Every structure is written in structure tokens, then in C-alpha cells.
N, C-alpha and C. Protein backbone atom coordinates (compact mmCIF):
# COMPACT_ATOMS: atom_id res chain seq x y z
N MET A 1 -22.48 -31.08 -46.18
CA MET A 1 -21.60 -29.92 -46.06
C MET A 1 -20.30 -30.25 -46.78
N ARG A 2 -19.92 -29.43 -47.74
CA ARG A 2 -18.68 -29.61 -48.49
C ARG A 2 -17.70 -28.51 -48.09
N ILE A 3 -16.52 -28.93 -47.60
CA ILE A 3 -15.51 -27.98 -47.14
C ILE A 3 -14.20 -28.28 -47.87
N LEU A 4 -13.59 -27.21 -48.38
CA LEU A 4 -12.30 -27.32 -49.05
C LEU A 4 -11.27 -26.52 -48.27
N PHE A 5 -10.13 -27.14 -48.01
CA PHE A 5 -9.02 -26.48 -47.33
C PHE A 5 -7.91 -26.27 -48.36
N VAL A 6 -7.41 -25.04 -48.46
CA VAL A 6 -6.41 -24.72 -49.48
C VAL A 6 -5.21 -24.03 -48.85
N CYS A 7 -4.03 -24.54 -49.17
CA CYS A 7 -2.78 -23.84 -48.84
C CYS A 7 -1.92 -23.86 -50.10
N THR A 8 -0.69 -23.48 -50.01
CA THR A 8 0.14 -23.37 -51.19
C THR A 8 0.51 -24.73 -51.77
N GLU A 9 1.16 -25.58 -50.99
CA GLU A 9 1.68 -26.84 -51.51
C GLU A 9 0.75 -28.03 -51.32
N ASN A 10 -0.28 -27.90 -50.51
CA ASN A 10 -1.18 -29.01 -50.17
C ASN A 10 -0.37 -30.19 -49.66
N ALA A 11 0.62 -29.87 -48.82
CA ALA A 11 1.51 -30.91 -48.29
C ALA A 11 1.56 -30.92 -46.77
N ASN A 12 0.98 -29.91 -46.13
CA ASN A 12 1.04 -29.79 -44.68
C ASN A 12 -0.31 -29.36 -44.11
N ARG A 13 -0.52 -28.04 -44.01
CA ARG A 13 -1.69 -27.49 -43.32
C ARG A 13 -3.02 -27.97 -43.87
N SER A 14 -3.22 -27.84 -45.16
CA SER A 14 -4.52 -28.20 -45.74
C SER A 14 -4.76 -29.71 -45.67
N GLN A 15 -3.70 -30.50 -45.79
CA GLN A 15 -3.86 -31.95 -45.65
C GLN A 15 -4.31 -32.31 -44.24
N MET A 16 -3.68 -31.68 -43.24
CA MET A 16 -4.07 -31.96 -41.85
C MET A 16 -5.49 -31.48 -41.58
N ALA A 17 -5.85 -30.31 -42.13
CA ALA A 17 -7.20 -29.79 -41.93
C ALA A 17 -8.24 -30.73 -42.54
N GLU A 18 -7.97 -31.23 -43.74
CA GLU A 18 -8.87 -32.21 -44.36
C GLU A 18 -9.02 -33.44 -43.46
N ALA A 19 -7.90 -33.92 -42.95
CA ALA A 19 -7.93 -35.10 -42.07
C ALA A 19 -8.77 -34.84 -40.82
N PHE A 20 -8.57 -33.69 -40.19
CA PHE A 20 -9.36 -33.36 -38.99
C PHE A 20 -10.85 -33.26 -39.33
N ALA A 21 -11.19 -32.67 -40.47
CA ALA A 21 -12.60 -32.55 -40.86
C ALA A 21 -13.21 -33.93 -41.05
N ARG A 22 -12.46 -34.85 -41.61
CA ARG A 22 -12.95 -36.21 -41.77
C ARG A 22 -13.11 -36.89 -40.41
N MET A 23 -12.13 -36.67 -39.53
CA MET A 23 -12.18 -37.28 -38.20
C MET A 23 -13.36 -36.74 -37.39
N TYR A 24 -13.46 -35.41 -37.32
CA TYR A 24 -14.48 -34.78 -36.48
C TYR A 24 -15.85 -34.75 -37.14
N GLY A 25 -15.89 -34.76 -38.47
CA GLY A 25 -17.17 -34.72 -39.19
C GLY A 25 -17.89 -36.05 -39.20
N LYS A 26 -17.15 -37.11 -38.93
CA LYS A 26 -17.72 -38.46 -38.81
C LYS A 26 -18.72 -38.79 -39.92
N GLY A 27 -18.33 -38.54 -41.16
CA GLY A 27 -19.17 -38.88 -42.30
C GLY A 27 -20.20 -37.85 -42.69
N SER A 28 -20.39 -36.80 -41.89
CA SER A 28 -21.39 -35.78 -42.21
C SER A 28 -20.81 -34.62 -43.02
N VAL A 29 -19.51 -34.68 -43.29
CA VAL A 29 -18.83 -33.61 -44.00
C VAL A 29 -18.05 -34.21 -45.16
N GLU A 30 -18.15 -33.58 -46.32
CA GLU A 30 -17.28 -33.94 -47.44
C GLU A 30 -16.10 -32.97 -47.39
N ALA A 31 -14.95 -33.47 -47.02
CA ALA A 31 -13.77 -32.63 -46.88
C ALA A 31 -12.76 -32.95 -47.97
N ALA A 32 -12.11 -31.91 -48.47
CA ALA A 32 -11.07 -32.07 -49.47
C ALA A 32 -10.02 -30.99 -49.23
N SER A 33 -8.89 -31.16 -49.88
CA SER A 33 -7.84 -30.14 -49.79
C SER A 33 -7.15 -30.03 -51.14
N ALA A 34 -6.53 -28.87 -51.37
CA ALA A 34 -5.82 -28.61 -52.61
C ALA A 34 -4.78 -27.53 -52.37
N GLY A 35 -3.91 -27.35 -53.35
CA GLY A 35 -2.87 -26.34 -53.24
C GLY A 35 -2.83 -25.44 -54.46
N SER A 36 -2.42 -24.20 -54.26
CA SER A 36 -2.28 -23.28 -55.39
C SER A 36 -1.05 -23.63 -56.22
N ARG A 37 -0.05 -24.20 -55.59
CA ARG A 37 1.15 -24.72 -56.27
C ARG A 37 1.52 -26.03 -55.57
N PRO A 38 0.81 -27.12 -55.88
CA PRO A 38 0.99 -28.37 -55.12
C PRO A 38 2.41 -28.91 -55.18
N GLY A 39 2.84 -29.46 -54.05
CA GLY A 39 4.16 -30.06 -53.93
C GLY A 39 4.18 -31.46 -54.52
N ALA A 40 5.33 -32.10 -54.38
CA ALA A 40 5.53 -33.44 -54.95
C ALA A 40 4.91 -34.53 -54.08
N GLY A 41 4.76 -34.27 -52.78
CA GLY A 41 4.21 -35.27 -51.88
C GLY A 41 3.82 -34.65 -50.56
N VAL A 42 3.05 -35.38 -49.79
CA VAL A 42 2.68 -34.92 -48.45
C VAL A 42 3.93 -34.99 -47.58
N ASN A 43 4.15 -33.96 -46.81
CA ASN A 43 5.33 -33.89 -45.95
C ASN A 43 5.32 -35.06 -44.95
N PRO A 44 6.42 -35.79 -44.86
CA PRO A 44 6.49 -36.89 -43.87
C PRO A 44 6.20 -36.43 -42.44
N LYS A 45 6.49 -35.15 -42.13
CA LYS A 45 6.17 -34.63 -40.80
C LYS A 45 4.66 -34.61 -40.59
N ALA A 46 3.90 -34.27 -41.64
CA ALA A 46 2.44 -34.26 -41.54
C ALA A 46 1.92 -35.68 -41.35
N VAL A 47 2.49 -36.62 -42.09
CA VAL A 47 2.09 -38.02 -41.96
C VAL A 47 2.34 -38.50 -40.54
N ALA A 48 3.53 -38.20 -40.01
CA ALA A 48 3.88 -38.63 -38.64
C ALA A 48 3.01 -37.94 -37.60
N ALA A 49 2.77 -36.63 -37.77
CA ALA A 49 1.99 -35.87 -36.79
C ALA A 49 0.55 -36.38 -36.73
N MET A 50 -0.04 -36.69 -37.87
CA MET A 50 -1.41 -37.20 -37.86
C MET A 50 -1.47 -38.65 -37.42
N ALA A 51 -0.42 -39.42 -37.69
CA ALA A 51 -0.38 -40.82 -37.21
C ALA A 51 -0.42 -40.85 -35.69
N GLU A 52 0.19 -39.85 -35.04
CA GLU A 52 0.14 -39.77 -33.58
C GLU A 52 -1.29 -39.68 -33.06
N LEU A 53 -2.19 -39.17 -33.90
CA LEU A 53 -3.59 -39.00 -33.52
C LEU A 53 -4.48 -40.08 -34.13
N GLY A 54 -3.87 -41.06 -34.78
CA GLY A 54 -4.63 -42.17 -35.32
C GLY A 54 -5.15 -41.99 -36.74
N TYR A 55 -4.65 -41.00 -37.47
CA TYR A 55 -5.10 -40.78 -38.85
C TYR A 55 -3.95 -41.07 -39.80
N ASP A 56 -4.20 -41.84 -40.83
CA ASP A 56 -3.17 -42.22 -41.80
C ASP A 56 -3.23 -41.31 -43.02
N LEU A 57 -2.26 -40.41 -43.13
CA LEU A 57 -2.15 -39.51 -44.28
C LEU A 57 -1.29 -40.10 -45.39
N SER A 58 -0.73 -41.27 -45.19
CA SER A 58 0.25 -41.81 -46.13
C SER A 58 -0.31 -42.04 -47.54
N ALA A 59 -1.61 -42.25 -47.67
CA ALA A 59 -2.20 -42.48 -48.99
C ALA A 59 -2.63 -41.17 -49.66
N HIS A 60 -2.57 -40.06 -48.95
CA HIS A 60 -2.94 -38.76 -49.52
C HIS A 60 -1.85 -38.28 -50.48
N ARG A 61 -2.25 -37.43 -51.41
CA ARG A 61 -1.28 -36.80 -52.31
C ARG A 61 -1.70 -35.35 -52.53
N PRO A 62 -0.73 -34.47 -52.76
CA PRO A 62 -1.07 -33.09 -53.06
C PRO A 62 -1.87 -32.99 -54.36
N LYS A 63 -2.88 -32.12 -54.35
CA LYS A 63 -3.71 -31.88 -55.51
C LYS A 63 -3.71 -30.39 -55.83
N GLY A 64 -3.82 -30.08 -57.10
CA GLY A 64 -3.93 -28.69 -57.53
C GLY A 64 -5.38 -28.23 -57.53
N LEU A 65 -5.58 -26.93 -57.56
CA LEU A 65 -6.94 -26.38 -57.57
C LEU A 65 -7.73 -26.84 -58.79
N GLU A 66 -7.04 -27.11 -59.90
CA GLU A 66 -7.74 -27.56 -61.11
C GLU A 66 -8.32 -28.97 -60.96
N GLU A 67 -7.89 -29.70 -59.95
CA GLU A 67 -8.37 -31.07 -59.73
C GLU A 67 -9.63 -31.16 -58.88
N ILE A 68 -10.06 -30.06 -58.31
CA ILE A 68 -11.19 -30.12 -57.37
C ILE A 68 -12.54 -29.89 -58.01
N GLY A 69 -12.57 -29.57 -59.28
CA GLY A 69 -13.83 -29.36 -59.98
C GLY A 69 -14.34 -27.94 -59.82
N SER A 70 -15.44 -27.66 -60.50
CA SER A 70 -15.97 -26.29 -60.49
C SER A 70 -17.26 -26.14 -59.68
N GLU A 71 -17.75 -27.23 -59.09
CA GLU A 71 -18.95 -27.15 -58.26
C GLU A 71 -18.65 -26.32 -57.00
N PRO A 72 -19.54 -25.40 -56.64
CA PRO A 72 -19.27 -24.55 -55.47
C PRO A 72 -19.17 -25.36 -54.16
N TRP A 73 -18.33 -24.88 -53.29
CA TRP A 73 -18.15 -25.47 -51.97
C TRP A 73 -19.00 -24.69 -50.98
N ASP A 74 -19.43 -25.36 -49.92
CA ASP A 74 -20.15 -24.64 -48.87
C ASP A 74 -19.20 -23.69 -48.14
N CYS A 75 -17.96 -24.14 -47.96
CA CYS A 75 -16.97 -23.33 -47.27
C CYS A 75 -15.59 -23.63 -47.83
N VAL A 76 -14.83 -22.57 -48.09
CA VAL A 76 -13.43 -22.72 -48.48
C VAL A 76 -12.60 -22.02 -47.42
N VAL A 77 -11.67 -22.76 -46.85
CA VAL A 77 -10.74 -22.22 -45.85
C VAL A 77 -9.38 -22.12 -46.51
N THR A 78 -8.85 -20.91 -46.59
CA THR A 78 -7.53 -20.71 -47.19
C THR A 78 -6.50 -20.47 -46.10
N MET A 79 -5.28 -20.89 -46.40
CA MET A 79 -4.19 -20.78 -45.43
C MET A 79 -2.93 -20.29 -46.14
N GLY A 80 -2.93 -19.03 -46.54
CA GLY A 80 -1.73 -18.45 -47.10
C GLY A 80 -1.43 -18.79 -48.55
N CYS A 81 -2.48 -19.03 -49.36
CA CYS A 81 -2.21 -19.41 -50.75
C CYS A 81 -2.24 -18.22 -51.69
N GLY A 82 -2.41 -17.03 -51.18
CA GLY A 82 -2.32 -15.83 -52.00
C GLY A 82 -3.47 -15.65 -52.97
N ASP A 83 -3.17 -15.05 -54.11
CA ASP A 83 -4.19 -14.68 -55.09
C ASP A 83 -4.86 -15.85 -55.78
N ALA A 84 -4.28 -17.03 -55.74
CA ALA A 84 -4.83 -18.19 -56.45
C ALA A 84 -6.14 -18.68 -55.83
N CYS A 85 -6.33 -18.50 -54.55
CA CYS A 85 -7.49 -19.08 -53.86
C CYS A 85 -8.83 -18.42 -54.16
N PRO A 86 -8.91 -17.10 -54.38
CA PRO A 86 -10.22 -16.50 -54.58
C PRO A 86 -11.00 -17.04 -55.77
N GLY A 87 -10.37 -17.71 -56.73
CA GLY A 87 -11.06 -18.24 -57.88
C GLY A 87 -11.91 -19.46 -57.58
N VAL A 88 -11.83 -20.02 -56.39
CA VAL A 88 -12.59 -21.21 -56.03
C VAL A 88 -13.99 -20.78 -55.61
N PRO A 89 -15.05 -21.28 -56.29
CA PRO A 89 -16.41 -20.87 -55.92
C PRO A 89 -16.82 -21.43 -54.56
N ALA A 90 -17.37 -20.55 -53.73
CA ALA A 90 -17.76 -20.96 -52.38
C ALA A 90 -18.86 -20.06 -51.83
N LYS A 91 -19.72 -20.64 -50.99
CA LYS A 91 -20.75 -19.87 -50.30
C LYS A 91 -20.14 -19.04 -49.18
N ARG A 92 -19.11 -19.61 -48.52
CA ARG A 92 -18.41 -18.91 -47.43
C ARG A 92 -16.91 -19.07 -47.62
N ARG A 93 -16.18 -18.02 -47.26
CA ARG A 93 -14.72 -18.05 -47.33
C ARG A 93 -14.15 -17.64 -45.98
N ILE A 94 -13.12 -18.36 -45.58
CA ILE A 94 -12.44 -18.06 -44.32
C ILE A 94 -10.95 -18.12 -44.58
N GLU A 95 -10.22 -17.16 -44.06
CA GLU A 95 -8.75 -17.18 -44.15
C GLU A 95 -8.20 -17.46 -42.76
N TRP A 96 -7.39 -18.49 -42.66
CA TRP A 96 -6.71 -18.80 -41.41
C TRP A 96 -5.25 -18.40 -41.53
N GLU A 97 -4.84 -17.50 -40.66
CA GLU A 97 -3.43 -17.12 -40.60
C GLU A 97 -2.72 -18.16 -39.75
N LEU A 98 -2.02 -19.05 -40.42
CA LEU A 98 -1.27 -20.11 -39.74
C LEU A 98 0.11 -20.19 -40.36
N PRO A 99 1.14 -20.35 -39.56
CA PRO A 99 2.47 -20.48 -40.14
C PRO A 99 2.61 -21.79 -40.91
N ASP A 100 3.40 -21.76 -41.97
CA ASP A 100 3.70 -22.99 -42.70
C ASP A 100 4.67 -23.78 -41.82
N PRO A 101 4.27 -24.96 -41.36
CA PRO A 101 5.10 -25.68 -40.39
C PRO A 101 6.20 -26.54 -40.99
N LYS A 102 6.35 -26.55 -42.32
CA LYS A 102 7.23 -27.53 -42.95
C LYS A 102 8.66 -27.51 -42.43
N ALA A 103 9.18 -26.37 -42.04
CA ALA A 103 10.57 -26.29 -41.57
C ALA A 103 10.67 -26.31 -40.04
N LEU A 104 9.56 -26.44 -39.35
CA LEU A 104 9.57 -26.39 -37.89
C LEU A 104 10.02 -27.72 -37.29
N PRO A 105 10.64 -27.68 -36.11
CA PRO A 105 10.97 -28.93 -35.41
C PRO A 105 9.69 -29.62 -34.96
N PRO A 106 9.76 -30.92 -34.66
CA PRO A 106 8.55 -31.70 -34.34
C PRO A 106 7.64 -31.09 -33.29
N GLU A 107 8.19 -30.55 -32.19
CA GLU A 107 7.32 -30.01 -31.14
C GLU A 107 6.55 -28.77 -31.61
N GLU A 108 7.19 -27.95 -32.45
CA GLU A 108 6.50 -26.77 -32.99
C GLU A 108 5.52 -27.18 -34.08
N TYR A 109 5.88 -28.19 -34.84
CA TYR A 109 4.98 -28.72 -35.87
C TYR A 109 3.68 -29.21 -35.22
N ARG A 110 3.82 -29.91 -34.10
CA ARG A 110 2.64 -30.42 -33.38
C ARG A 110 1.74 -29.28 -32.91
N LYS A 111 2.34 -28.16 -32.51
CA LYS A 111 1.54 -27.01 -32.07
C LYS A 111 0.68 -26.49 -33.21
N VAL A 112 1.25 -26.41 -34.42
CA VAL A 112 0.47 -25.98 -35.58
C VAL A 112 -0.62 -27.01 -35.88
N ARG A 113 -0.27 -28.29 -35.84
CA ARG A 113 -1.25 -29.37 -36.05
C ARG A 113 -2.41 -29.23 -35.07
N ASP A 114 -2.08 -29.04 -33.80
CA ASP A 114 -3.12 -28.95 -32.77
C ASP A 114 -4.00 -27.72 -32.96
N GLU A 115 -3.41 -26.61 -33.42
CA GLU A 115 -4.18 -25.40 -33.68
C GLU A 115 -5.12 -25.63 -34.86
N ILE A 116 -4.65 -26.33 -35.88
CA ILE A 116 -5.52 -26.66 -37.02
C ILE A 116 -6.68 -27.53 -36.53
N GLY A 117 -6.39 -28.52 -35.72
CA GLY A 117 -7.45 -29.38 -35.18
C GLY A 117 -8.47 -28.59 -34.38
N ARG A 118 -8.01 -27.65 -33.57
CA ARG A 118 -8.92 -26.82 -32.78
C ARG A 118 -9.81 -25.98 -33.70
N ARG A 119 -9.20 -25.38 -34.73
CA ARG A 119 -9.97 -24.54 -35.63
C ARG A 119 -10.97 -25.34 -36.46
N VAL A 120 -10.60 -26.53 -36.88
CA VAL A 120 -11.52 -27.37 -37.64
C VAL A 120 -12.71 -27.76 -36.77
N ARG A 121 -12.45 -28.15 -35.55
CA ARG A 121 -13.55 -28.51 -34.63
C ARG A 121 -14.49 -27.32 -34.45
N GLN A 122 -13.95 -26.13 -34.26
CA GLN A 122 -14.76 -24.93 -34.09
C GLN A 122 -15.52 -24.60 -35.39
N LEU A 123 -14.85 -24.73 -36.53
CA LEU A 123 -15.49 -24.48 -37.82
C LEU A 123 -16.70 -25.40 -38.02
N LEU A 124 -16.52 -26.68 -37.77
CA LEU A 124 -17.63 -27.62 -37.94
C LEU A 124 -18.79 -27.29 -37.02
N ALA A 125 -18.51 -26.93 -35.81
CA ALA A 125 -19.57 -26.55 -34.86
C ALA A 125 -20.32 -25.31 -35.37
N ASN A 126 -19.58 -24.32 -35.86
CA ASN A 126 -20.20 -23.09 -36.35
C ASN A 126 -21.01 -23.33 -37.61
N LEU A 127 -20.51 -24.13 -38.52
CA LEU A 127 -21.21 -24.38 -39.77
C LEU A 127 -22.48 -25.19 -39.55
N GLN A 128 -22.48 -26.07 -38.59
CA GLN A 128 -23.67 -26.87 -38.31
C GLN A 128 -24.79 -26.03 -37.71
N ARG A 129 -24.44 -24.90 -37.10
CA ARG A 129 -25.46 -24.01 -36.51
C ARG A 129 -26.07 -23.08 -37.55
N LEU A 130 -25.39 -22.89 -38.69
CA LEU A 130 -25.90 -21.97 -39.72
C LEU A 130 -26.99 -22.65 -40.54
N PRO A 131 -27.92 -21.84 -41.05
CA PRO A 131 -29.00 -22.41 -41.89
C PRO A 131 -28.46 -22.91 -43.22
């Protein structure tokens, strides 16, 4: 199962979603993330928030959509990246309405992180049930 998570900067939401998919997929999922306008680096808040859960995001870097290749994905999850995301080939598309947490204080940032984790866990369960 190949899943791509896309947001605007690939510095917060999509990076955390990729991390959760790797954590919860336990090797059965190929997870990646990209941005429609990638930032300069992964937000230190994202690195700290995922470190609290035992995942090291420090080696990750934002990637643009042009870096992910043209092979279709089983599922593409978009998170507010606008018109740039529909060009990614996918068997299934899902849009998650999630606030961009980059300017949020730590406690609110964690709430967004936890919601992403919940949605990724649910997504993996749903995708595994589909033919």
C-alpha cells in the first residue's frame, strides 16, 4: 500500500502524517509526504511533537511534488494544498480539513498532531479492509 500525504509546505501536517503511517503501518505501508510549495525545513515544533511519541523527524526534509515521481499512489491525502494537489495520480483521494499548526502554541500543536495520528490510524484500518 502506497500512501502520499500532501500539504502546502511539507513542514508540519504531512510530515507528521507520514511518520504516523510508518509507525502504525509497521512496514506494511510505503508512506511519503510532499508539499505544493515546500518550506526550507521541517518545523522544529513538528520534530519536538513527534519526538514526544518516540519518532525522530529530524532527518526528514520538505519535498516538492515533483520529487515524488509519476507512479500512481494507492491513496493521496491532501491537507489544504489547494489546486496543486489534484495533479498527483492516485487510486483514491481524501481531503483532510486540518488547521495548519505552525503558529499554534505547543498544547494546541499537540492537539493537531493527535488528530492526525487518529486519522492515520483510521485510514490504515479502512484501506486494509478494501480490496
